[in-house]
N, C-alpha and C. Protein backbone atom coordinates (compact mmCIF):
# COMPACT_ATOMS: atom_id res chain seq x y z
N MET A 1 57.39 1.67 -92.70
CA MET A 1 57.10 0.65 -92.04
C MET A 1 55.46 0.39 -91.46
N PRO A 2 55.48 -1.05 -91.58
CA PRO A 2 53.90 -1.31 -90.49
C PRO A 2 53.87 -1.30 -89.56
N THR A 3 53.17 -0.94 -88.41
CA THR A 3 53.13 -1.34 -87.31
C THR A 3 52.31 -2.47 -86.88
N ILE A 4 52.70 -3.67 -86.04
CA ILE A 4 52.03 -4.71 -86.37
C ILE A 4 52.34 -4.98 -84.78
N VAL A 5 50.93 -5.45 -84.25
CA VAL A 5 50.74 -5.92 -82.55
C VAL A 5 50.66 -7.02 -82.68
N GLY A 6 51.10 -8.09 -82.18
CA GLY A 6 50.08 -9.49 -81.81
C GLY A 6 49.78 -9.94 -82.45
N ILE A 7 50.63 -10.26 -84.17
CA ILE A 7 51.15 -11.08 -85.52
C ILE A 7 50.99 -12.54 -85.24
N ARG A 8 50.54 -13.25 -85.20
CA ARG A 8 50.66 -14.99 -85.15
C ARG A 8 51.83 -14.96 -85.80
N PRO A 9 53.07 -16.58 -85.00
CA PRO A 9 54.08 -16.53 -85.51
C PRO A 9 53.89 -16.84 -87.06
N LEU A 10 55.33 -17.19 -88.10
CA LEU A 10 55.18 -17.20 -89.14
C LEU A 10 56.38 -17.66 -89.94
N ARG A 11 56.62 -18.22 -90.59
CA ARG A 11 57.69 -19.03 -91.11
C ARG A 11 57.76 -18.69 -92.72
N GLY A 12 59.10 -18.13 -93.11
CA GLY A 12 59.73 -18.32 -94.74
C GLY A 12 60.71 -17.08 -94.62
N ARG A 13 60.66 -17.24 -95.94
CA ARG A 13 62.19 -16.35 -96.00
C ARG A 13 62.08 -14.98 -95.54
N GLY A 14 63.02 -14.38 -95.02
CA GLY A 14 62.94 -12.92 -94.29
C GLY A 14 62.35 -13.18 -93.21
N ILE A 15 62.04 -13.92 -92.79
CA ILE A 15 61.32 -14.02 -91.06
C ILE A 15 61.95 -14.78 -90.37
N GLU A 16 62.36 -13.66 -89.21
CA GLU A 16 62.65 -14.68 -87.82
C GLU A 16 62.07 -16.01 -87.34
N GLU A 17 63.45 -16.91 -87.15
CA GLU A 17 62.61 -18.11 -86.71
C GLU A 17 61.37 -17.78 -85.59
N GLY A 18 60.22 -18.25 -86.31
CA GLY A 18 58.98 -18.04 -85.25
C GLY A 18 58.54 -17.17 -84.69
N GLY A 19 58.55 -15.92 -85.30
CA GLY A 19 58.12 -14.75 -85.00
C GLY A 19 57.89 -13.97 -86.29
N LEU A 20 57.70 -12.94 -85.90
CA LEU A 20 57.51 -11.39 -86.98
C LEU A 20 59.14 -11.38 -87.89
N PRO A 21 58.80 -11.01 -89.37
CA PRO A 21 59.55 -10.80 -89.93
C PRO A 21 60.41 -9.86 -89.43
N THR A 22 62.01 -10.09 -89.84
CA THR A 22 63.08 -8.84 -89.73
C THR A 22 62.35 -7.65 -89.93
N GLY A 23 62.68 -6.72 -89.16
CA GLY A 23 63.19 -5.26 -89.16
C GLY A 23 61.71 -4.68 -88.79
N VAL A 24 60.12 -5.45 -88.94
CA VAL A 24 58.91 -4.82 -88.55
C VAL A 24 59.04 -4.49 -87.37
N HIS A 25 58.68 -3.08 -86.98
CA HIS A 25 58.13 -2.58 -86.30
C HIS A 25 57.12 -3.19 -85.24
N ILE A 26 57.57 -3.23 -84.15
CA ILE A 26 56.28 -4.19 -82.97
C ILE A 26 55.66 -2.52 -82.44
N ALA A 27 55.02 -2.29 -82.48
CA ALA A 27 54.11 -1.08 -81.44
C ALA A 27 54.21 -1.56 -79.94
N GLU A 28 54.92 -0.54 -78.80
CA GLU A 28 55.17 -1.02 -77.72
C GLU A 28 55.27 -2.77 -77.37
N PRO A 29 56.53 -3.06 -77.56
CA PRO A 29 56.78 -4.63 -76.99
C PRO A 29 56.35 -4.77 -75.86
N ARG A 30 57.08 -3.95 -75.12
CA ARG A 30 57.25 -4.18 -73.67
C ARG A 30 55.99 -4.67 -73.13
N GLN A 31 55.09 -3.68 -73.37
CA GLN A 31 53.61 -3.94 -72.94
C GLN A 31 52.76 -4.95 -73.24
N ALA A 32 52.86 -5.62 -75.10
CA ALA A 32 52.37 -6.47 -75.12
C ALA A 32 53.06 -8.11 -74.62
N LEU A 33 54.06 -7.97 -74.19
CA LEU A 33 54.56 -9.42 -73.58
C LEU A 33 54.00 -9.57 -72.18
N LEU A 34 54.07 -8.28 -71.55
CA LEU A 34 53.57 -8.23 -70.20
C LEU A 34 52.30 -8.62 -70.45
N ASP A 35 51.59 -8.35 -71.28
CA ASP A 35 49.59 -8.51 -71.19
C ASP A 35 49.78 -10.06 -72.14
N ALA A 36 51.09 -10.41 -72.99
CA ALA A 36 50.46 -11.52 -73.48
C ALA A 36 50.99 -13.01 -71.66
N ALA A 37 51.98 -12.25 -71.19
CA ALA A 37 52.67 -13.46 -70.04
C ALA A 37 51.27 -13.55 -68.95
N GLU A 38 50.33 -12.26 -69.20
CA GLU A 38 49.34 -12.44 -68.05
C GLU A 38 47.93 -13.62 -68.57
N ARG A 39 47.91 -13.53 -69.49
CA ARG A 39 47.24 -14.44 -70.25
C ARG A 39 47.28 -16.25 -70.28
N VAL A 40 49.16 -15.96 -70.30
CA VAL A 40 49.26 -17.61 -70.15
C VAL A 40 49.29 -17.79 -68.24
N LEU A 41 49.52 -16.66 -67.52
CA LEU A 41 49.53 -17.25 -66.05
C LEU A 41 47.88 -17.64 -65.65
N LEU A 42 47.44 -16.77 -66.03
CA LEU A 42 45.42 -16.81 -65.98
C LEU A 42 45.47 -18.01 -66.43
N ARG A 43 45.68 -18.07 -67.90
CA ARG A 43 45.19 -19.65 -68.07
C ARG A 43 45.75 -20.78 -67.80
N ASP A 44 47.29 -20.80 -67.78
CA ASP A 44 47.70 -22.19 -67.45
C ASP A 44 48.30 -22.11 -65.72
N GLY A 45 48.61 -21.41 -65.53
CA GLY A 45 49.15 -21.33 -64.21
C GLY A 45 50.51 -20.85 -64.15
N PRO A 46 51.54 -20.57 -63.04
CA PRO A 46 52.34 -20.34 -63.14
C PRO A 46 53.57 -21.09 -63.59
N ASP A 47 53.33 -22.43 -63.45
CA ASP A 47 54.36 -23.02 -63.93
C ASP A 47 54.56 -23.26 -65.28
N ALA A 48 53.50 -22.86 -65.86
CA ALA A 48 53.55 -22.80 -67.73
C ALA A 48 54.05 -21.55 -68.60
N LEU A 49 54.32 -20.43 -67.19
CA LEU A 49 55.19 -19.73 -67.87
C LEU A 49 56.53 -19.03 -67.89
N THR A 50 57.00 -19.48 -68.85
CA THR A 50 57.89 -19.40 -69.62
C THR A 50 58.38 -18.64 -70.92
N SER A 51 59.85 -18.24 -71.31
CA SER A 51 59.96 -17.08 -72.07
C SER A 51 59.21 -17.46 -73.20
N ARG A 52 59.22 -18.96 -73.60
CA ARG A 52 58.73 -19.25 -75.45
C ARG A 52 57.27 -19.14 -75.06
N ALA A 53 56.71 -19.32 -73.88
CA ALA A 53 55.22 -19.44 -73.79
C ALA A 53 54.12 -17.79 -74.01
N VAL A 54 55.37 -17.10 -73.18
CA VAL A 54 55.28 -15.32 -73.60
C VAL A 54 55.51 -15.24 -74.86
N THR A 55 56.43 -15.40 -75.28
CA THR A 55 56.54 -14.96 -76.95
C THR A 55 55.78 -15.76 -77.86
N ASP A 56 55.21 -16.78 -77.58
CA ASP A 56 54.34 -17.32 -78.80
C ASP A 56 52.94 -17.19 -78.12
N GLU A 57 52.48 -16.69 -76.79
CA GLU A 57 51.28 -16.35 -76.76
C GLU A 57 51.34 -14.80 -77.60
N ALA A 58 52.32 -13.78 -77.42
CA ALA A 58 52.45 -12.30 -78.01
C ALA A 58 52.25 -12.79 -79.78
N GLY A 59 52.76 -13.78 -80.23
CA GLY A 59 53.15 -14.00 -81.54
C GLY A 59 54.31 -13.48 -82.15
N PHE A 60 55.34 -13.46 -81.17
CA PHE A 60 56.60 -12.51 -81.38
C PHE A 60 57.29 -13.70 -81.40
N ALA A 61 58.61 -13.27 -82.37
CA ALA A 61 59.99 -14.23 -82.12
C ALA A 61 60.50 -14.26 -80.70
N LYS A 62 61.19 -15.60 -80.21
CA LYS A 62 61.61 -15.50 -78.85
C LYS A 62 62.65 -14.26 -78.32
N GLY A 63 63.35 -14.13 -79.80
CA GLY A 63 63.94 -13.26 -79.03
C GLY A 63 63.39 -11.45 -78.77
N VAL A 64 62.83 -11.06 -79.51
CA VAL A 64 62.04 -10.17 -79.35
C VAL A 64 62.12 -9.83 -77.20
N LEU A 65 61.42 -11.06 -76.54
CA LEU A 65 61.40 -10.69 -74.96
C LEU A 65 62.69 -10.25 -74.75
N HIS A 66 64.12 -10.71 -75.30
CA HIS A 66 65.44 -10.77 -74.56
C HIS A 66 65.98 -9.31 -75.45
N ARG A 67 65.60 -8.87 -76.25
CA ARG A 67 66.32 -7.73 -76.30
C ARG A 67 65.11 -6.57 -75.64
N HIS A 68 64.13 -6.92 -75.06
CA HIS A 68 63.94 -5.46 -73.78
C HIS A 68 63.89 -6.16 -72.73
N PHE A 69 64.33 -7.28 -72.23
CA PHE A 69 64.75 -7.30 -71.04
C PHE A 69 65.77 -8.17 -70.33
N SER A 70 66.53 -8.00 -69.65
CA SER A 70 68.14 -8.62 -69.37
C SER A 70 67.70 -9.91 -69.46
N ASP A 71 67.15 -11.11 -69.18
CA ASP A 71 66.78 -11.86 -68.75
C ASP A 71 65.31 -12.05 -68.38
N PHE A 72 65.05 -13.23 -68.22
CA PHE A 72 63.52 -13.70 -67.81
C PHE A 72 63.18 -13.39 -66.77
N GLU A 73 64.03 -13.37 -65.46
CA GLU A 73 63.70 -12.86 -64.49
C GLU A 73 63.50 -11.37 -64.33
N ASP A 74 63.78 -10.30 -65.05
CA ASP A 74 63.91 -9.22 -65.31
C ASP A 74 62.96 -8.60 -65.92
N PHE A 75 62.15 -9.42 -67.03
CA PHE A 75 61.04 -9.94 -67.52
C PHE A 75 60.03 -9.82 -66.36
N LEU A 76 59.76 -11.07 -65.54
CA LEU A 76 59.00 -11.63 -64.13
C LEU A 76 59.08 -9.98 -63.40
N ALA A 77 59.90 -9.85 -63.06
CA ALA A 77 59.99 -8.39 -62.16
C ALA A 77 59.23 -7.37 -62.38
N ALA A 78 58.96 -7.05 -64.03
CA ALA A 78 58.44 -5.94 -64.54
C ALA A 78 57.04 -6.27 -64.53
N LEU A 79 56.64 -7.61 -64.61
CA LEU A 79 55.01 -8.06 -64.86
C LEU A 79 54.83 -7.72 -63.49
N VAL A 80 55.78 -8.18 -62.29
CA VAL A 80 54.91 -7.85 -60.97
C VAL A 80 54.90 -6.18 -61.03
N ALA A 81 55.91 -5.89 -60.94
CA ALA A 81 55.73 -4.18 -60.59
C ALA A 81 54.65 -3.82 -61.74
N ASP A 82 54.31 -4.13 -62.99
CA ASP A 82 53.21 -3.50 -63.52
C ASP A 82 51.64 -3.66 -63.17
N ARG A 83 52.12 -5.00 -62.32
CA ARG A 83 50.43 -5.42 -61.82
C ARG A 83 50.35 -5.08 -60.90
N ALA A 84 51.40 -4.77 -59.98
CA ALA A 84 51.38 -3.92 -58.31
C ALA A 84 50.80 -3.01 -58.80
N SER A 85 51.21 -1.80 -59.41
CA SER A 85 50.75 -0.75 -59.71
C SER A 85 49.86 -0.50 -60.02
N ARG A 86 48.87 -1.66 -60.53
CA ARG A 86 47.40 -1.53 -61.17
C ARG A 86 47.11 -1.07 -59.45
N VAL A 87 47.03 -2.04 -58.48
CA VAL A 87 46.18 -1.62 -57.14
C VAL A 87 45.97 -0.21 -56.85
N ASP A 88 46.68 0.90 -57.43
CA ASP A 88 46.35 2.24 -57.54
C ASP A 88 44.95 2.84 -57.90
N ALA A 89 44.85 1.85 -58.76
CA ALA A 89 43.26 1.89 -59.40
C ALA A 89 41.93 1.61 -58.71
N HIS A 90 42.28 0.80 -58.29
CA HIS A 90 41.32 0.33 -57.58
C HIS A 90 41.66 0.92 -55.71
N ALA A 91 42.35 0.94 -55.21
CA ALA A 91 42.68 2.24 -54.34
C ALA A 91 41.81 3.62 -54.25
N ALA A 92 41.80 4.07 -55.52
CA ALA A 92 41.61 5.34 -55.89
C ALA A 92 39.51 5.42 -55.77
N ALA A 93 39.73 4.04 -56.15
CA ALA A 93 38.03 3.79 -56.18
C ALA A 93 38.09 3.84 -54.69
N LEU A 94 38.22 3.16 -54.09
CA LEU A 94 37.19 2.46 -52.69
C LEU A 94 37.90 4.01 -51.95
N ARG A 95 38.65 4.34 -51.75
CA ARG A 95 38.76 5.57 -51.13
C ARG A 95 37.55 6.89 -51.86
N ALA A 96 37.23 6.85 -52.89
CA ALA A 96 36.19 7.48 -53.16
C ALA A 96 34.86 7.06 -53.02
N SER A 97 34.83 5.82 -52.56
CA SER A 97 33.21 5.16 -51.84
C SER A 97 33.65 5.64 -50.58
N ALA A 98 34.14 6.06 -49.87
CA ALA A 98 34.05 6.30 -47.94
C ALA A 98 33.01 7.17 -47.93
N GLY A 99 32.37 7.02 -46.91
CA GLY A 99 31.26 7.96 -46.49
C GLY A 99 29.92 7.61 -47.79
N THR A 100 29.99 6.33 -48.43
CA THR A 100 28.80 5.88 -49.13
C THR A 100 28.75 4.23 -49.26
N GLY A 101 27.56 3.98 -49.43
CA GLY A 101 27.11 2.44 -48.79
C GLY A 101 27.52 2.61 -47.65
N THR A 102 28.15 0.80 -47.80
CA THR A 102 27.93 0.49 -46.34
C THR A 102 29.85 -0.06 -46.69
N VAL A 103 30.45 0.07 -45.13
CA VAL A 103 32.06 0.07 -44.93
C VAL A 103 32.14 -1.55 -45.72
N ALA A 104 30.99 -2.35 -45.18
CA ALA A 104 31.97 -3.86 -45.55
C ALA A 104 31.06 -4.18 -46.77
N ALA A 105 30.32 -3.54 -47.71
CA ALA A 105 29.92 -3.70 -48.98
C ALA A 105 30.93 -2.95 -49.70
N ASN A 106 31.63 -1.75 -49.24
CA ASN A 106 32.79 -1.31 -50.14
C ASN A 106 33.76 -2.22 -50.11
N LEU A 107 34.12 -2.64 -48.75
CA LEU A 107 35.45 -3.46 -48.80
C LEU A 107 35.26 -4.75 -49.43
N ALA A 108 34.40 -5.18 -49.51
CA ALA A 108 33.56 -6.41 -50.39
C ALA A 108 34.04 -6.07 -51.50
N GLU A 109 33.41 -5.15 -51.76
CA GLU A 109 33.48 -5.18 -53.80
C GLU A 109 35.03 -5.29 -54.01
N ALA A 110 35.95 -4.10 -53.28
CA ALA A 110 36.77 -3.80 -53.59
C ALA A 110 37.71 -4.81 -53.34
N LEU A 111 37.88 -5.96 -52.62
CA LEU A 111 38.56 -6.87 -52.40
C LEU A 111 38.42 -8.09 -53.45
N THR A 112 37.01 -8.03 -53.94
CA THR A 112 36.85 -9.30 -55.29
C THR A 112 37.02 -8.87 -56.01
N ALA A 113 36.72 -6.97 -56.56
CA ALA A 113 37.84 -7.02 -57.62
C ALA A 113 39.37 -7.35 -57.34
N LEU A 114 39.87 -7.15 -56.79
CA LEU A 114 41.40 -7.45 -56.58
C LEU A 114 41.69 -8.42 -56.64
N PHE A 115 41.00 -9.30 -55.99
CA PHE A 115 41.26 -10.80 -56.00
C PHE A 115 40.53 -11.90 -57.32
N SER A 116 39.99 -11.21 -57.82
CA SER A 116 39.23 -12.13 -58.96
C SER A 116 40.29 -11.55 -60.11
N SER A 117 41.13 -11.02 -59.98
CA SER A 117 42.21 -10.57 -61.21
C SER A 117 43.41 -11.15 -61.23
N VAL A 118 44.42 -10.92 -61.54
CA VAL A 118 45.76 -11.54 -61.86
C VAL A 118 46.21 -11.62 -60.85
N ALA A 119 46.29 -10.81 -59.63
CA ALA A 119 46.37 -10.57 -58.12
C ALA A 119 47.08 -12.03 -58.08
N VAL A 120 45.94 -12.93 -57.62
CA VAL A 120 45.60 -14.26 -57.18
C VAL A 120 46.91 -15.33 -57.70
N ALA A 121 46.82 -14.75 -58.99
CA ALA A 121 48.33 -16.25 -59.81
C ALA A 121 49.49 -15.26 -59.47
N ILE A 122 49.38 -14.00 -59.48
CA ILE A 122 50.86 -13.32 -59.44
C ILE A 122 51.45 -13.67 -57.84
N ILE A 123 51.06 -13.89 -57.01
CA ILE A 123 51.48 -13.96 -55.53
C ILE A 123 52.17 -15.50 -55.92
N PRO A 124 51.41 -16.77 -56.15
CA PRO A 124 52.16 -17.96 -56.13
C PRO A 124 53.83 -17.76 -57.05
N LEU A 125 53.35 -17.09 -58.21
CA LEU A 125 54.64 -16.70 -58.64
C LEU A 125 55.77 -16.16 -57.89
N ILE A 126 55.69 -15.25 -57.53
CA ILE A 126 56.73 -14.63 -56.46
C ILE A 126 56.68 -15.55 -55.51
N VAL A 127 56.47 -16.33 -54.80
CA VAL A 127 56.44 -17.27 -53.38
C VAL A 127 57.11 -17.94 -54.10
N PHE A 128 57.29 -18.97 -54.84
CA PHE A 128 57.87 -20.05 -55.35
C PHE A 128 58.69 -19.71 -56.47
N ARG A 129 59.11 -18.67 -56.92
CA ARG A 129 60.69 -18.48 -57.26
C ARG A 129 61.49 -17.46 -56.89
N SER A 130 62.42 -18.29 -56.18
CA SER A 130 63.01 -17.54 -54.95
C SER A 130 64.21 -16.28 -55.89
N ASP A 131 64.84 -16.35 -57.35
CA ASP A 131 65.10 -15.27 -57.88
C ASP A 131 64.25 -14.30 -57.94
N LEU A 132 63.28 -14.49 -57.80
CA LEU A 132 62.34 -13.28 -58.76
C LEU A 132 62.14 -12.60 -57.13
N LEU A 133 61.59 -13.61 -56.17
CA LEU A 133 61.59 -12.59 -54.48
C LEU A 133 62.99 -11.86 -54.24
N ALA A 134 63.97 -12.44 -54.46
CA ALA A 134 65.08 -11.54 -54.45
C ALA A 134 65.98 -10.46 -54.70
N ARG A 135 65.28 -10.97 -56.57
CA ARG A 135 65.22 -9.30 -57.34
C ARG A 135 64.33 -8.36 -56.93
N LEU A 136 63.18 -8.63 -56.28
CA LEU A 136 61.97 -7.62 -56.23
C LEU A 136 62.06 -7.16 -54.68
N ARG A 137 63.10 -7.64 -53.87
CA ARG A 137 63.63 -7.11 -52.40
C ARG A 137 64.34 -6.01 -52.95
N GLN A 138 65.41 -6.26 -53.79
CA GLN A 138 66.55 -5.71 -54.26
C GLN A 138 65.82 -4.36 -54.45
N THR A 139 64.70 -3.86 -55.82
CA THR A 139 64.37 -3.07 -56.17
C THR A 139 63.27 -2.04 -55.48
N ARG A 140 62.31 -3.16 -54.83
CA ARG A 140 61.47 -2.42 -53.97
C ARG A 140 61.49 -1.61 -53.25
N THR A 141 60.78 -0.38 -53.06
CA THR A 141 60.94 0.63 -51.68
C THR A 141 60.13 -0.13 -50.47
N ALA A 142 58.75 -0.38 -50.94
CA ALA A 142 57.99 -0.89 -49.77
C ALA A 142 58.21 -2.45 -49.56
N GLY A 143 57.93 -2.82 -48.37
CA GLY A 143 58.18 -4.16 -47.99
C GLY A 143 56.76 -4.93 -48.13
N GLY A 144 57.13 -6.27 -47.56
CA GLY A 144 56.24 -7.47 -48.14
C GLY A 144 56.32 -7.82 -49.04
N VAL A 145 55.22 -8.91 -49.56
CA VAL A 145 54.66 -9.08 -51.01
C VAL A 145 54.10 -8.41 -51.68
N PRO A 146 55.07 -8.22 -53.30
CA PRO A 146 53.99 -7.49 -54.14
C PRO A 146 53.16 -7.69 -54.45
N VAL A 147 51.56 -6.79 -54.64
CA VAL A 147 50.55 -6.86 -54.63
C VAL A 147 49.71 -7.12 -53.52
N LEU A 148 50.21 -8.02 -52.10
CA LEU A 148 48.85 -8.15 -51.09
C LEU A 148 49.91 -6.85 -50.24
N ALA A 149 51.01 -6.54 -50.74
CA ALA A 149 51.18 -5.39 -49.55
C ALA A 149 50.76 -4.01 -49.90
N GLU A 150 50.73 -3.69 -51.57
CA GLU A 150 49.57 -3.16 -51.65
C GLU A 150 48.31 -2.91 -51.46
N ALA A 151 47.69 -3.92 -51.41
CA ALA A 151 46.44 -4.55 -51.05
C ALA A 151 46.10 -3.93 -49.80
N THR A 152 47.19 -4.35 -48.79
CA THR A 152 47.05 -3.82 -47.38
C THR A 152 47.17 -2.37 -47.48
N THR A 153 47.80 -1.60 -48.09
CA THR A 153 47.75 -0.40 -47.88
C THR A 153 46.61 0.64 -48.25
N MET A 154 46.34 -0.16 -49.39
CA MET A 154 44.15 0.16 -49.91
C MET A 154 43.74 0.19 -49.09
N ILE A 155 43.55 -1.27 -47.93
CA ILE A 155 42.16 -0.78 -46.90
C ILE A 155 42.76 0.08 -45.85
N SER A 156 43.70 -0.15 -46.18
CA SER A 156 44.23 0.56 -44.33
C SER A 156 44.29 1.65 -44.73
N SER A 157 44.20 2.74 -46.06
CA SER A 157 43.95 3.91 -46.32
C SER A 157 42.38 4.21 -46.04
N TYR A 158 42.03 3.60 -46.60
CA TYR A 158 40.40 3.84 -46.97
C TYR A 158 39.87 3.74 -45.21
N LEU A 159 40.48 2.71 -44.65
CA LEU A 159 39.77 2.62 -43.08
C LEU A 159 39.81 3.57 -42.42
N ALA A 160 41.10 4.31 -42.79
CA ALA A 160 41.18 5.37 -41.60
C ALA A 160 40.40 6.41 -42.47
N GLU A 161 40.28 6.90 -43.52
CA GLU A 161 39.08 7.63 -44.34
C GLU A 161 37.52 7.72 -43.52
N GLU A 162 37.51 6.53 -43.55
CA GLU A 162 36.15 6.05 -42.76
C GLU A 162 35.71 6.05 -41.62
N SER A 163 37.21 5.96 -40.84
CA SER A 163 36.86 6.74 -39.20
C SER A 163 37.24 7.75 -39.04
N ALA A 164 37.93 8.83 -39.75
CA ALA A 164 38.14 10.32 -39.40
C ALA A 164 36.13 10.80 -40.49
N LEU A 165 35.79 9.87 -41.15
CA LEU A 165 34.03 10.38 -40.90
C LEU A 165 33.00 9.97 -39.96
N GLY A 166 33.58 9.41 -38.92
CA GLY A 166 32.95 8.69 -37.86
C GLY A 166 31.68 6.82 -38.28
N ARG A 167 32.37 6.95 -39.61
CA ARG A 167 31.71 5.44 -39.67
C ARG A 167 32.12 4.05 -39.25
N ILE A 168 33.34 4.27 -38.67
CA ILE A 168 33.79 3.25 -37.95
C ILE A 168 34.53 3.93 -36.70
N ALA A 169 34.68 2.92 -35.53
CA ALA A 169 35.31 3.68 -34.44
C ALA A 169 36.69 4.15 -34.59
N VAL A 170 36.93 5.29 -33.59
CA VAL A 170 37.97 6.33 -34.24
C VAL A 170 39.56 5.71 -33.66
N ASP A 171 39.28 5.05 -32.75
CA ASP A 171 40.48 4.02 -32.54
C ASP A 171 40.53 2.86 -33.07
N ALA A 172 39.97 2.98 -34.21
CA ALA A 172 40.15 1.51 -35.25
C ALA A 172 41.79 1.30 -35.73
N ASP A 173 42.09 0.07 -35.11
CA ASP A 173 43.62 0.07 -35.80
C ASP A 173 43.64 -0.50 -37.20
N ALA A 174 43.58 0.39 -38.21
CA ALA A 174 43.29 0.45 -39.63
C ALA A 174 44.26 -0.72 -40.28
N ASP A 175 45.62 -0.72 -40.00
CA ASP A 175 46.78 -1.88 -40.37
C ASP A 175 46.12 -2.67 -39.71
N SER A 176 46.29 -2.74 -38.87
CA SER A 176 45.92 -4.65 -38.47
C SER A 176 44.89 -4.78 -38.64
N LEU A 177 43.86 -4.34 -39.29
CA LEU A 177 42.26 -4.75 -40.09
C LEU A 177 42.53 -5.44 -41.07
N ALA A 178 43.49 -4.16 -42.13
CA ALA A 178 43.27 -4.37 -43.40
C ALA A 178 44.49 -5.78 -43.47
N VAL A 179 45.43 -6.10 -42.37
CA VAL A 179 45.96 -6.99 -42.48
C VAL A 179 45.37 -8.53 -42.87
N SER A 180 44.18 -8.18 -41.75
CA SER A 180 43.43 -9.31 -41.51
C SER A 180 42.29 -9.34 -42.72
N LEU A 181 41.88 -8.53 -43.42
CA LEU A 181 40.72 -8.46 -44.68
C LEU A 181 41.51 -9.27 -45.65
N VAL A 182 42.74 -8.51 -46.18
CA VAL A 182 43.34 -8.97 -47.16
C VAL A 182 43.75 -10.29 -46.94
N GLY A 183 44.31 -10.98 -45.70
CA GLY A 183 44.83 -12.35 -45.64
C GLY A 183 43.46 -13.09 -45.89
N ALA A 184 42.31 -12.45 -44.99
CA ALA A 184 41.14 -13.50 -45.31
C ALA A 184 40.64 -13.92 -46.82
N ALA A 185 40.62 -12.84 -47.40
CA ALA A 185 40.52 -12.63 -48.94
C ALA A 185 41.52 -13.38 -50.08
N HIS A 186 42.71 -13.55 -49.66
CA HIS A 186 43.51 -14.13 -50.69
C HIS A 186 43.06 -15.66 -50.10
N LEU A 187 42.76 -16.23 -48.62
CA LEU A 187 42.84 -17.52 -48.60
C LEU A 187 41.64 -18.12 -49.51
N LEU A 188 40.79 -17.18 -49.31
CA LEU A 188 38.79 -17.62 -49.60
C LEU A 188 39.42 -17.56 -51.04
N PHE A 189 40.09 -16.42 -52.02
CA PHE A 189 40.48 -16.70 -53.71
C PHE A 189 41.24 -17.98 -54.02
N ALA A 190 42.74 -17.56 -53.31
CA ALA A 190 43.80 -18.60 -53.80
C ALA A 190 43.32 -19.93 -53.81
N GLY A 191 43.76 -20.70 -54.70
CA GLY A 191 44.22 -22.10 -54.57
C GLY A 191 42.74 -22.64 -54.99
N ARG A 192 41.60 -21.90 -55.33
CA ARG A 192 40.59 -22.40 -55.66
C ARG A 192 39.86 -22.29 -57.18
N GLY A 193 39.42 -23.40 -58.00
CA GLY A 193 39.03 -23.71 -59.11
C GLY A 193 37.86 -22.47 -59.62
N ASP A 194 37.34 -21.87 -58.38
CA ASP A 194 36.23 -20.87 -58.70
C ASP A 194 35.88 -20.18 -57.29
N PRO A 195 35.44 -18.92 -57.37
CA PRO A 195 35.39 -18.15 -57.06
C PRO A 195 34.84 -18.42 -55.41
N PRO A 196 35.01 -17.41 -54.09
CA PRO A 196 33.75 -17.66 -52.95
C PRO A 196 32.56 -18.13 -53.21
N ALA A 197 31.77 -18.37 -53.11
CA ALA A 197 30.49 -18.51 -53.19
C ALA A 197 29.81 -17.04 -52.51
N ASP A 198 28.66 -17.34 -53.32
CA ASP A 198 27.46 -16.10 -53.17
C ASP A 198 27.46 -16.03 -51.24
N GLY A 199 28.14 -14.13 -50.93
CA GLY A 199 27.90 -13.29 -49.38
C GLY A 199 29.15 -14.43 -49.10
N GLU A 200 29.86 -15.34 -49.08
CA GLU A 200 31.24 -15.91 -48.32
C GLU A 200 32.29 -14.46 -48.03
N LEU A 201 32.67 -13.94 -48.76
CA LEU A 201 33.20 -12.77 -48.75
C LEU A 201 32.80 -11.85 -48.06
N ASP A 202 31.32 -11.65 -47.96
CA ASP A 202 30.98 -10.49 -47.15
C ASP A 202 30.14 -11.01 -45.54
N ARG A 203 30.57 -12.01 -45.37
CA ARG A 203 29.96 -12.72 -44.20
C ARG A 203 31.67 -12.51 -43.27
N VAL A 204 32.94 -12.77 -44.00
CA VAL A 204 34.14 -12.34 -43.50
C VAL A 204 34.36 -11.07 -42.92
N VAL A 205 34.36 -10.16 -44.30
CA VAL A 205 34.48 -9.13 -43.88
C VAL A 205 33.32 -8.53 -42.61
N ALA A 206 32.64 -8.61 -42.59
CA ALA A 206 31.53 -8.54 -41.91
C ALA A 206 31.94 -8.69 -40.23
N ALA A 207 32.37 -9.82 -40.45
CA ALA A 207 33.03 -10.68 -39.22
C ALA A 207 34.24 -9.82 -39.01
N VAL A 208 34.95 -9.61 -39.35
CA VAL A 208 36.42 -8.77 -39.64
C VAL A 208 35.91 -7.38 -38.51
N ILE A 209 35.21 -6.62 -39.36
CA ILE A 209 34.95 -5.31 -38.98
C ILE A 209 33.89 -5.03 -38.11
N ALA A 210 33.32 -6.32 -37.38
CA ALA A 210 32.04 -6.09 -36.49
C ALA A 210 32.13 -5.50 -35.38
N ASP A 211 33.99 -5.18 -34.73
CA ASP A 211 33.36 -4.96 -33.66
C ASP A 211 33.70 -3.17 -34.03
N VAL A 212 34.85 -2.92 -34.85
CA VAL A 212 35.15 -1.41 -34.99
C VAL A 212 33.85 -0.70 -35.75
N VAL A 213 32.95 -1.06 -36.31
CA VAL A 213 31.67 -1.25 -36.80
C VAL A 213 30.35 -0.62 -35.69
N GLN A 214 30.41 -1.44 -34.82
CA GLN A 214 29.67 -1.66 -33.59
C GLN A 214 29.71 -0.21 -32.54
N ARG A 215 31.31 0.08 -32.74
CA ARG A 215 31.66 1.21 -31.68
C ARG A 215 31.90 2.26 -32.73
N ARG A 216 31.03 2.51 -33.10
CA ARG A 216 31.18 3.95 -34.27
C ARG A 216 30.79 4.98 -33.78
N PRO A 217 31.05 6.52 -33.41
CA PRO A 217 30.08 7.50 -33.01
C PRO A 217 28.19 7.32 -33.32
N LEU A 218 27.65 7.71 -31.99
CA LEU A 218 26.64 7.49 -32.78
C LEU A 218 25.72 8.93 -32.93
């Protein structure tokens, strides 16, 4: 059997209505569907994210999604979980930067990388779909809004590292600073057609951490 991923919809004899030929194996269909949903979300926004839009984007028959997920809310929960887990890659890179460059520049770079991605589009999807939010609360061990909660943990962990290295005050409240930084970055990136102006996020980050940087051990 050939392995086909992302083929565009076909019609004809032996073809599932609006999708792949019956019996053709699709490699990693779950991931292909999740990636298609991300493209729809980034291009057209949360309101456009429907099961039909996802399968059309992936080039699959509509039934493919329902063979791999119990319903569309189950699919969306998987999308959120998958994208939230990707914050771990940002977190590892940020922790590795501790002790190098400047604290403000490291934070601004990490927040830009995070909020320039699908993260900003995922958050309104979660907030405005009450069924999805309820399902996520049942399945997640961590509290808070997915992606934002992981981002806050990422920033707090990094600030704790910098405090241990003496680059910010030893009594810095890393958790509170992380909430402030993630909230500020979200406000700057969300709801805009364009990313923040050059230097805008840098100024906000510098203002939030100014006290703990100034009180660092000399």
